[in-house]
């Protein structure tokens, strides 16, 4: 009985993007399907209505479900921040 009671009291899954919270479905298979779909359609970003913006969003959704994708996303964030700081340092020194 204790195990089933905590299933109903879980917090809803949210993804924070640009300071906004987006609620995700409670069903794990649906979240996985959304992430995979976004990644697949993101690859077809050259087509109208689809966009390459879907690829990072799909990776973000999948990173909440899979540790390997979460590590990849975290490495990308660290790389991006280091690159941004290095560029900021270069422009600050030459200015």
PDB file of N, CA and C in Angstrom:
ATOM      1  N   UNK A   1       0.825  -1.192   0.000  1.00  0.00           N
ATOM      2  CA  UNK A   1       0.000   0.000   0.000  1.00  0.00           C
ATOM      3  C   UNK A   1       0.867   1.253   0.000  1.00  0.00           C
ATOM      4  N   UNK A   2       1.989   1.186   0.670  1.00  0.00           N
ATOM      5  CA  UNK A   2       2.868   2.342   0.749  1.00  0.00           C
ATOM      6  C   UNK A   2       3.457   2.688  -0.620  1.00  0.00           C
ATOM      7  N   UNK A   3       3.762   1.677  -1.424  1.00  0.00           N
ATOM      8  CA  UNK A   3       4.347   1.927  -2.729  1.00  0.00           C
ATOM      9  C   UNK A   3       3.371   2.609  -3.674  1.00  0.00           C
ATOM     10  N   UNK A   4       2.128   2.247  -3.638  1.00  0.00           N
ATOM     11  CA  UNK A   4       1.147   2.846  -4.542  1.00  0.00           C
ATOM     12  C   UNK A   4       0.769   4.258  -4.122  1.00  0.00           C
ATOM     13  N   UNK A   5       0.862   4.567  -2.851  1.00  0.00           N
ATOM     14  CA  UNK A   5       0.471   5.897  -2.404  1.00  0.00           C
ATOM     15  C   UNK A   5       1.447   6.959  -2.897  1.00  0.00           C
ATOM     16  N   UNK A   6       2.711   6.623  -3.026  1.00  0.00           N
ATOM     17  CA  UNK A   6       3.663   7.628  -3.490  1.00  0.00           C
ATOM     18  C   UNK A   6       3.553   7.875  -4.992  1.00  0.00           C
ATOM     19  N   UNK A   7       2.943   6.952  -5.733  1.00  0.00           N
ATOM     20  CA  UNK A   7       2.786   7.146  -7.177  1.00  0.00           C
ATOM     21  C   UNK A   7       1.840   8.298  -7.491  1.00  0.00           C
ATOM     22  N   UNK A   8       0.856   8.496  -6.662  1.00  0.00           N
ATOM     23  CA  UNK A   8      -0.119   9.543  -6.916  1.00  0.00           C
ATOM     24  C   UNK A   8       0.324  10.894  -6.370  1.00  0.00           C
ATOM     25  N   UNK A   9       1.333  10.916  -5.537  1.00  0.00           N
ATOM     26  CA  UNK A   9       1.779  12.178  -4.956  1.00  0.00           C
ATOM     27  C   UNK A   9       3.039  12.713  -5.634  1.00  0.00           C
ATOM     28  N   UNK A  10       3.481  12.085  -6.723  1.00  0.00           N
ATOM     29  CA  UNK A  10       4.666  12.576  -7.423  1.00  0.00           C
ATOM     30  C   UNK A  10       4.413  13.954  -8.009  1.00  0.00           C
ATOM     31  N   UNK A  11       5.473  14.730  -8.077  1.00  0.00           N
ATOM     32  CA  UNK A  11       5.369  16.034  -8.706  1.00  0.00           C
ATOM     33  C   UNK A  11       5.273  15.842 -10.221  1.00  0.00           C
ATOM     34  N   UNK A  12       4.550  16.705 -10.890  1.00  0.00           N
ATOM     35  CA  UNK A  12       4.472  16.589 -12.342  1.00  0.00           C
ATOM     36  C   UNK A  12       5.828  16.895 -12.983  1.00  0.00           C
ATOM     37  N   UNK A  13       6.087  16.250 -14.088  1.00  0.00           N
ATOM     38  CA  UNK A  13       7.342  16.470 -14.788  1.00  0.00           C
ATOM     39  C   UNK A  13       7.281  17.807 -15.505  1.00  0.00           C
ATOM     40  N   UNK A  14       8.307  18.613 -15.285  1.00  0.00           N
ATOM     41  CA  UNK A  14       8.398  19.921 -15.923  1.00  0.00           C
ATOM     42  C   UNK A  14       9.766  20.054 -16.569  1.00  0.00           C
ATOM     43  N   UNK A  15       9.805  20.791 -17.656  1.00  0.00           N
ATOM     44  CA  UNK A  15      11.061  21.128 -18.309  1.00  0.00           C
ATOM     45  C   UNK A  15      11.164  22.642 -18.298  1.00  0.00           C
ATOM     46  N   UNK A  16      12.259  23.146 -17.796  1.00  0.00           N
ATOM     47  CA  UNK A  16      12.474  24.585 -17.767  1.00  0.00           C
ATOM     48  C   UNK A  16      13.252  25.039 -18.992  1.00  0.00           C
ATOM     49  N   UNK A  17      12.640  25.906 -19.781  1.00  0.00           N
ATOM     50  CA  UNK A  17      13.277  26.445 -20.978  1.00  0.00           C
ATOM     51  C   UNK A  17      13.117  27.959 -20.950  1.00  0.00           C
ATOM     52  N   UNK A  18      14.231  28.663 -20.957  1.00  0.00           N
ATOM     53  CA  UNK A  18      14.237  30.121 -20.994  1.00  0.00           C
ATOM     54  C   UNK A  18      13.371  30.731 -19.900  1.00  0.00           C
ATOM     55  N   UNK A  19      13.455  30.159 -18.718  1.00  0.00           N
ATOM     56  CA  UNK A  19      12.724  30.686 -17.576  1.00  0.00           C
ATOM     57  C   UNK A  19      11.253  30.300 -17.511  1.00  0.00           C
ATOM     58  N   UNK A  20      10.806  29.455 -18.409  1.00  0.00           N
ATOM     59  CA  UNK A  20       9.414  29.013 -18.402  1.00  0.00           C
ATOM     60  C   UNK A  20       9.360  27.520 -18.129  1.00  0.00           C
ATOM     61  N   UNK A  21       8.359  27.098 -17.399  1.00  0.00           N
ATOM     62  CA  UNK A  21       8.159  25.677 -17.122  1.00  0.00           C
ATOM     63  C   UNK A  21       7.131  25.111 -18.090  1.00  0.00           C
ATOM     64  N   UNK A  22       7.499  24.012 -18.743  1.00  0.00           N
ATOM     65  CA  UNK A  22       6.596  23.319 -19.644  1.00  0.00           C
ATOM     66  C   UNK A  22       6.277  21.977 -19.005  1.00  0.00           C
ATOM     67  N   UNK A  23       5.010  21.701 -18.813  1.00  0.00           N
ATOM     68  CA  UNK A  23       4.581  20.445 -18.192  1.00  0.00           C
ATOM     69  C   UNK A  23       4.648  19.326 -19.216  1.00  0.00           C
ATOM     70  N   UNK A  24       5.188  18.202 -18.786  1.00  0.00           N
ATOM     71  CA  UNK A  24       5.296  17.023 -19.633  1.00  0.00           C
ATOM     72  C   UNK A  24       4.252  16.000 -19.190  1.00  0.00           C
ATOM     73  N   UNK A  25       3.870  15.089 -20.083  1.00  0.00           N
ATOM     74  CA  UNK A  25       2.905  14.040 -19.708  1.00  0.00           C
ATOM     75  C   UNK A  25       3.450  13.168 -18.583  1.00  0.00           C
ATOM     76  N   UNK A  26       2.567  12.585 -17.809  1.00  0.00           N
ATOM     77  CA  UNK A  26       2.981  11.721 -16.696  1.00  0.00           C
ATOM     78  C   UNK A  26       3.500  10.380 -17.188  1.00  0.00           C
ATOM     79  N   UNK A  27       3.045   9.947 -18.337  1.00  0.00           N
ATOM     80  CA  UNK A  27       3.412   8.646 -18.863  1.00  0.00           C
ATOM     81  C   UNK A  27       4.826   8.672 -19.449  1.00  0.00           C
ATOM     82  N   UNK A  28       5.682   7.795 -18.939  1.00  0.00           N
ATOM     83  CA  UNK A  28       7.060   7.738 -19.418  1.00  0.00           C
ATOM     84  C   UNK A  28       7.148   7.375 -20.900  1.00  0.00           C
ATOM     85  N   UNK A  29       6.384   6.383 -21.395  1.00  0.00           N
ATOM     86  CA  UNK A  29       6.453   6.074 -22.827  1.00  0.00           C
ATOM     87  C   UNK A  29       6.039   7.253 -23.717  1.00  0.00           C
ATOM     88  N   UNK A  30       5.082   8.046 -23.257  1.00  0.00           N
ATOM     89  CA  UNK A  30       4.665   9.216 -24.041  1.00  0.00           C
ATOM     90  C   UNK A  30       5.786  10.248 -24.070  1.00  0.00           C
ATOM     91  N   UNK A  31       6.455  10.464 -22.930  1.00  0.00           N
ATOM     92  CA  UNK A  31       7.579  11.410 -22.906  1.00  0.00           C
ATOM     93  C   UNK A  31       8.702  10.948 -23.821  1.00  0.00           C
ATOM     94  N   UNK A  32       8.981   9.655 -23.816  1.00  0.00           N
ATOM     95  CA  UNK A  32      10.024   9.113 -24.686  1.00  0.00           C
ATOM     96  C   UNK A  32       9.629   9.291 -26.152  1.00  0.00           C
ATOM     97  N   UNK A  33       8.370   9.018 -26.470  1.00  0.00           N
ATOM     98  CA  UNK A  33       7.893   9.178 -27.845  1.00  0.00           C
ATOM     99  C   UNK A  33       7.989  10.637 -28.292  1.00  0.00           C
ATOM    100  N   UNK A  34       7.667  11.562 -27.411  1.00  0.00           N
ATOM    101  CA  UNK A  34       7.774  12.989 -27.740  1.00  0.00           C
ATOM    102  C   UNK A  34       9.229  13.349 -28.011  1.00  0.00           C
ATOM    103  N   UNK A  35      10.143  12.902 -27.153  1.00  0.00           N
ATOM    104  CA  UNK A  35      11.562  13.204 -27.338  1.00  0.00           C
ATOM    105  C   UNK A  35      12.121  12.629 -28.628  1.00  0.00           C
ATOM    106  N   UNK A  36      11.791  11.369 -28.905  1.00  0.00           N
ATOM    107  CA  UNK A  36      12.271  10.726 -30.131  1.00  0.00           C
ATOM    108  C   UNK A  36      11.668  11.419 -31.353  1.00  0.00           C
ATOM    109  N   UNK A  37      10.383  11.734 -31.286  1.00  0.00           N
ATOM    110  CA  UNK A  37       9.737  12.429 -32.398  1.00  0.00           C
ATOM    111  C   UNK A  37      10.352  13.785 -32.679  1.00  0.00           C
ATOM    112  N   UNK A  38      10.630  14.542 -31.622  1.00  0.00           N
ATOM    113  CA  UNK A  38      11.274  15.841 -31.811  1.00  0.00           C
ATOM    114  C   UNK A  38      12.653  15.693 -32.447  1.00  0.00           C
ATOM    115  N   UNK A  39      13.410  14.698 -32.010  1.00  0.00           N
ATOM    116  CA  UNK A  39      14.739  14.469 -32.593  1.00  0.00           C
ATOM    117  C   UNK A  39      14.635  14.070 -34.067  1.00  0.00           C
ATOM    118  N   UNK A  40      13.724  13.162 -34.373  1.00  0.00           N
ATOM    119  CA  UNK A  40      13.578  12.725 -35.766  1.00  0.00           C
ATOM    120  C   UNK A  40      13.124  13.866 -36.674  1.00  0.00           C
ATOM    121  N   UNK A  41      12.135  14.626 -36.233  1.00  0.00           N
ATOM    122  CA  UNK A  41      11.680  15.745 -37.048  1.00  0.00           C
ATOM    123  C   UNK A  41      12.699  16.880 -37.078  1.00  0.00           C
ATOM    124  N   UNK A  42      13.523  16.991 -36.047  1.00  0.00           N
ATOM    125  CA  UNK A  42      14.577  18.002 -36.034  1.00  0.00           C
ATOM    126  C   UNK A  42      15.630  17.751 -37.099  1.00  0.00           C
ATOM    127  N   UNK A  43      15.870  16.478 -37.402  1.00  0.00           N
ATOM    128  CA  UNK A  43      16.818  16.138 -38.463  1.00  0.00           C
ATOM    129  C   UNK A  43      16.280  16.613 -39.814  1.00  0.00           C
ATOM    130  N   UNK A  44      14.968  16.676 -39.942  1.00  0.00           N
ATOM    131  CA  UNK A  44      14.333  17.135 -41.180  1.00  0.00           C
ATOM    132  C   UNK A  44      14.068  18.639 -41.133  1.00  0.00           C
ATOM    133  N   UNK A  45      14.916  19.372 -40.458  1.00  0.00           N
ATOM    134  CA  UNK A  45      14.720  20.801 -40.253  1.00  0.00           C
ATOM    135  C   UNK A  45      14.736  21.644 -41.498  1.00  0.00           C
ATOM    136  N   UNK A  46      15.235  21.113 -42.591  1.00  0.00           N
ATOM    137  CA  UNK A  46      15.266  21.884 -43.837  1.00  0.00           C
ATOM    138  C   UNK A  46      13.888  21.957 -44.488  1.00  0.00           C
ATOM    139  N   UNK A  47      12.951  21.142 -44.028  1.00  0.00           N
ATOM    140  CA  UNK A  47      11.591  21.162 -44.564  1.00  0.00           C
ATOM    141  C   UNK A  47      10.782  22.281 -43.903  1.00  0.00           C
ATOM    142  N   UNK A  48       9.771  22.812 -44.622  1.00  0.00           N
ATOM    143  CA  UNK A  48       8.931  23.858 -44.019  1.00  0.00           C
ATOM    144  C   UNK A  48       8.206  23.344 -42.776  1.00  0.00           C
ATOM    145  N   UNK A  49       7.997  24.193 -41.837  1.00  0.00           N
ATOM    146  CA  UNK A  49       7.306  23.954 -40.572  1.00  0.00           C
ATOM    147  C   UNK A  49       8.149  23.178 -39.563  1.00  0.00           C
ATOM    148  N   UNK A  50       9.001  22.284 -40.028  1.00  0.00           N
ATOM    149  CA  UNK A  50       9.903  21.593 -39.112  1.00  0.00           C
ATOM    150  C   UNK A  50      11.142  22.467 -38.966  1.00  0.00           C
ATOM    151  N   UNK A  51      11.888  22.254 -37.935  1.00  0.00           N
ATOM    152  CA  UNK A  51      13.068  23.076 -37.747  1.00  0.00           C
ATOM    153  C   UNK A  51      14.141  22.345 -36.984  1.00  0.00           C
ATOM    154  N   UNK A  52      15.357  22.811 -37.151  1.00  0.00           N
ATOM    155  CA  UNK A  52      16.478  22.225 -36.432  1.00  0.00           C
ATOM    156  C   UNK A  52      16.367  22.495 -34.937  1.00  0.00           C
ATOM    157  N   UNK A  53      15.509  23.430 -34.539  1.00  0.00           N
ATOM    158  CA  UNK A  53      15.293  23.717 -33.126  1.00  0.00           C
ATOM    159  C   UNK A  53      14.679  22.520 -32.410  1.00  0.00           C
ATOM    160  N   UNK A  54      14.057  21.615 -33.151  1.00  0.00           N
ATOM    161  CA  UNK A  54      13.417  20.453 -32.543  1.00  0.00           C
ATOM    162  C   UNK A  54      14.439  19.454 -32.006  1.00  0.00           C
ATOM    163  N   UNK A  55      15.609  19.405 -32.604  1.00  0.00           N
ATOM    164  CA  UNK A  55      16.633  18.447 -32.191  1.00  0.00           C
ATOM    165  C   UNK A  55      17.109  18.695 -30.759  1.00  0.00           C
ATOM    166  N   UNK A  56      17.555  19.902 -30.404  1.00  0.00           N
ATOM    167  CA  UNK A  56      17.956  20.096 -28.998  1.00  0.00           C
ATOM    168  C   UNK A  56      16.800  19.963 -28.017  1.00  0.00           C
ATOM    169  N   UNK A  57      15.600  20.314 -28.445  1.00  0.00           N
ATOM    170  CA  UNK A  57      14.444  20.155 -27.557  1.00  0.00           C
ATOM    171  C   UNK A  57      14.156  18.677 -27.309  1.00  0.00           C
ATOM    172  N   UNK A  58      14.285  17.862 -28.341  1.00  0.00           N
ATOM    173  CA  UNK A  58      14.111  16.420 -28.177  1.00  0.00           C
ATOM    174  C   UNK A  58      15.159  15.820 -27.261  1.00  0.00           C
ATOM    175  N   UNK A  59      16.404  16.286 -27.395  1.00  0.00           N
ATOM    176  CA  UNK A  59      17.478  15.813 -26.510  1.00  0.00           C
ATOM    177  C   UNK A  59      17.185  16.221 -25.073  1.00  0.00           C
ATOM    178  N   UNK A  60      16.663  17.429 -24.893  1.00  0.00           N
ATOM    179  CA  UNK A  60      16.312  17.883 -23.548  1.00  0.00           C
ATOM    180  C   UNK A  60      15.219  17.000 -22.942  1.00  0.00           C
ATOM    181  N   UNK A  61      14.205  16.672 -23.710  1.00  0.00           N
ATOM    182  CA  UNK A  61      13.122  15.820 -23.210  1.00  0.00           C
ATOM    183  C   UNK A  61      13.661  14.435 -22.869  1.00  0.00           C
ATOM    184  N   UNK A  62      14.475  13.874 -23.751  1.00  0.00           N
ATOM    185  CA  UNK A  62      15.023  12.532 -23.508  1.00  0.00           C
ATOM    186  C   UNK A  62      16.015  12.513 -22.344  1.00  0.00           C
ATOM    187  N   UNK A  63      16.656  13.635 -22.070  1.00  0.00           N
ATOM    188  CA  UNK A  63      17.640  13.660 -20.984  1.00  0.00           C
ATOM    189  C   UNK A  63      16.994  13.480 -19.616  1.00  0.00           C
ATOM    190  N   UNK A  64      15.701  13.724 -19.509  1.00  0.00           N
ATOM    191  CA  UNK A  64      15.006  13.493 -18.249  1.00  0.00           C
ATOM    192  C   UNK A  64      14.701  12.020 -18.040  1.00  0.00           C
ATOM    193  N   UNK A  65      14.843  11.213 -19.090  1.00  0.00           N
ATOM    194  CA  UNK A  65      14.525   9.796 -19.009  1.00  0.00           C
ATOM    195  C   UNK A  65      15.748   8.887 -19.016  1.00  0.00           C
ATOM    196  N   UNK A  66      16.814   9.298 -19.696  1.00  0.00           N
ATOM    197  CA  UNK A  66      17.968   8.422 -19.891  1.00  0.00           C
ATOM    198  C   UNK A  66      19.245   9.100 -19.409  1.00  0.00           C
ATOM    199  N   UNK A  67      20.006   8.376 -18.594  1.00  0.00           N
ATOM    200  CA  UNK A  67      21.237   8.929 -18.023  1.00  0.00           C
ATOM    201  C   UNK A  67      22.271   9.234 -19.107  1.00  0.00           C
ATOM    202  N   UNK A  68      22.374   8.401 -20.140  1.00  0.00           N
ATOM    203  CA  UNK A  68      23.371   8.633 -21.196  1.00  0.00           C
ATOM    204  C   UNK A  68      23.079   9.937 -21.940  1.00  0.00           C
ATOM    205  N   UNK A  69      21.824  10.202 -22.217  1.00  0.00           N
ATOM    206  CA  UNK A  69      21.450  11.448 -22.896  1.00  0.00           C
ATOM    207  C   UNK A  69      21.663  12.624 -21.956  1.00  0.00           C
ATOM    208  N   UNK A  70      21.385  12.414 -20.666  1.00  0.00           N
ATOM    209  CA  UNK A  70      21.600  13.473 -19.668  1.00  0.00           C
ATOM    210  C   UNK A  70      23.071  13.842 -19.592  1.00  0.00           C
ATOM    211  N   UNK A  71      23.982  12.852 -19.628  1.00  0.00           N
ATOM    212  CA  UNK A  71      25.427  13.140 -19.615  1.00  0.00           C
ATOM    213  C   UNK A  71      25.840  13.889 -20.869  1.00  0.00           C
ATOM    214  N   UNK A  72      25.314  13.479 -22.027  1.00  0.00           N
ATOM    215  CA  UNK A  72      25.620  14.161 -23.279  1.00  0.00           C
ATOM    216  C   UNK A  72      25.164  15.619 -23.226  1.00  0.00           C
ATOM    217  N   UNK A  73      23.952  15.844 -22.736  1.00  0.00           N
ATOM    218  CA  UNK A  73      23.427  17.208 -22.627  1.00  0.00           C
ATOM    219  C   UNK A  73      24.280  18.043 -21.692  1.00  0.00           C
ATOM    220  N   UNK A  74      24.677  17.445 -20.578  1.00  0.00           N
ATOM    221  CA  UNK A  74      25.491  18.184 -19.609  1.00  0.00           C
ATOM    222  C   UNK A  74      26.857  18.536 -20.196  1.00  0.00           C
ATOM    223  N   UNK A  75      27.465  17.597 -20.940  1.00  0.00           N
ATOM    224  CA  UNK A  75      28.743  17.899 -21.600  1.00  0.00           C
ATOM    225  C   UNK A  75      28.593  19.038 -22.591  1.00  0.00           C
ATOM    226  N   UNK A  76      27.489  19.061 -23.316  1.00  0.00           N
ATOM    227  CA  UNK A  76      27.248  20.141 -24.273  1.00  0.00           C
ATOM    228  C   UNK A  76      27.084  21.488 -23.562  1.00  0.00           C
ATOM    229  N   UNK A  77      26.370  21.493 -22.440  1.00  0.00           N
ATOM    230  CA  UNK A  77      26.184  22.732 -21.683  1.00  0.00           C
ATOM    231  C   UNK A  77      27.513  23.237 -21.153  1.00  0.00           C
ATOM    232  N   UNK A  78      28.342  22.345 -20.613  1.00  0.00           N
ATOM    233  CA  UNK A  78      29.648  22.744 -20.087  1.00  0.00           C
ATOM    234  C   UNK A  78      30.524  23.275 -21.220  1.00  0.00           C
ATOM    235  N   UNK A  79      30.534  22.581 -22.366  1.00  0.00           N
ATOM    236  CA  UNK A  79      31.318  23.035 -23.516  1.00  0.00           C
ATOM    237  C   UNK A  79      30.866  24.419 -23.964  1.00  0.00           C
ATOM    238  N   UNK A  80      29.559  24.630 -24.046  1.00  0.00           N
ATOM    239  CA  UNK A  80      29.023  25.905 -24.501  1.00  0.00           C
ATOM    240  C   UNK A  80      29.404  27.039 -23.538  1.00  0.00           C
ATOM    241  N   UNK A  81      29.290  26.781 -22.236  1.00  0.00           N
ATOM    242  CA  UNK A  81      29.630  27.813 -21.254  1.00  0.00           C
ATOM    243  C   UNK A  81      31.118  28.159 -21.304  1.00  0.00           C
ATOM    244  N   UNK A  82      31.965  27.157 -21.416  1.00  0.00           N
ATOM    245  CA  UNK A  82      33.404  27.431 -21.527  1.00  0.00           C
ATOM    246  C   UNK A  82      33.717  28.227 -22.781  1.00  0.00           C
ATOM    247  N   UNK A  83      33.089  27.871 -23.884  1.00  0.00           N
ATOM    248  CA  UNK A  83      33.290  28.580 -25.146  1.00  0.00           C
ATOM    249  C   UNK A  83      32.827  30.030 -25.016  1.00  0.00           C
ATOM    250  N   UNK A  84      31.672  30.225 -24.386  1.00  0.00           N
ATOM    251  CA  UNK A  84      31.128  31.572 -24.208  1.00  0.00           C
ATOM    252  C   UNK A  84      32.038  32.423 -23.316  1.00  0.00           C
ATOM    253  N   UNK A  85      32.554  31.816 -22.240  1.00  0.00           N
ATOM    254  CA  UNK A  85      33.447  32.548 -21.350  1.00  0.00           C
ATOM    255  C   UNK A  85      34.758  32.882 -22.039  1.00  0.00           C
ATOM    256  N   UNK A  86      35.277  31.950 -22.846  1.00  0.00           N
ATOM    257  CA  UNK A  86      36.520  32.202 -23.575  1.00  0.00           C
ATOM    258  C   UNK A  86      36.334  33.338 -24.577  1.00  0.00           C
ATOM    259  N   UNK A  87      35.203  33.345 -25.283  1.00  0.00           N
ATOM    260  CA  UNK A  87      34.935  34.421 -26.243  1.00  0.00           C
ATOM    261  C   UNK A  87      34.753  35.764 -25.528  1.00  0.00           C
ATOM    262  N   UNK A  88      34.100  35.741 -24.372  1.00  0.00           N
ATOM    263  CA  UNK A  88      33.914  36.971 -23.609  1.00  0.00           C
ATOM    264  C   UNK A  88      35.254  37.500 -23.118  1.00  0.00           C
ATOM    265  N   UNK A  89      36.158  36.599 -22.734  1.00  0.00           N
ATOM    266  CA  UNK A  89      37.491  37.010 -22.304  1.00  0.00           C
ATOM    267  C   UNK A  89      38.309  37.590 -23.440  1.00  0.00           C
ATOM    268  N   UNK A  90      38.171  37.021 -24.634  1.00  0.00           N
ATOM    269  CA  UNK A  90      38.906  37.525 -25.790  1.00  0.00           C
ATOM    270  C   UNK A  90      38.415  38.915 -26.186  1.00  0.00           C
ATOM    271  N   UNK A  91      37.134  39.155 -26.156  1.00  0.00           N
ATOM    272  CA  UNK A  91      36.611  40.465 -26.536  1.00  0.00           C
ATOM    273  C   UNK A  91      36.910  41.504 -25.463  1.00  0.00           C
ATOM    274  N   UNK A  92      36.949  41.087 -24.200  1.00  0.00           N
ATOM    275  CA  UNK A  92      37.249  42.014 -23.114  1.00  0.00           C
ATOM    276  C   UNK A  92      38.712  42.447 -23.124  1.00  0.00           C
ATOM    277  N   UNK A  93      39.625  41.556 -23.541  1.00  0.00           N
ATOM    278  CA  UNK A  93      41.037  41.887 -23.569  1.00  0.00           C
ATOM    279  C   UNK A  93      41.384  42.809 -24.730  1.00  0.00           C
ATOM    280  N   UNK A  94      40.733  42.620 -25.870  1.00  0.00           N
ATOM    281  CA  UNK A  94      41.078  43.414 -27.027  1.00  0.00           C
ATOM    282  C   UNK A  94      40.384  44.769 -27.020  1.00  0.00           C
ATOM    283  N   UNK A  95      39.397  44.969 -26.132  1.00  0.00           N
ATOM    284  CA  UNK A  95      38.589  46.192 -26.123  1.00  0.00           C
ATOM    285  C   UNK A  95      39.115  47.213 -25.260  1.00  0.00           C
TER     286      UNK A  95
END
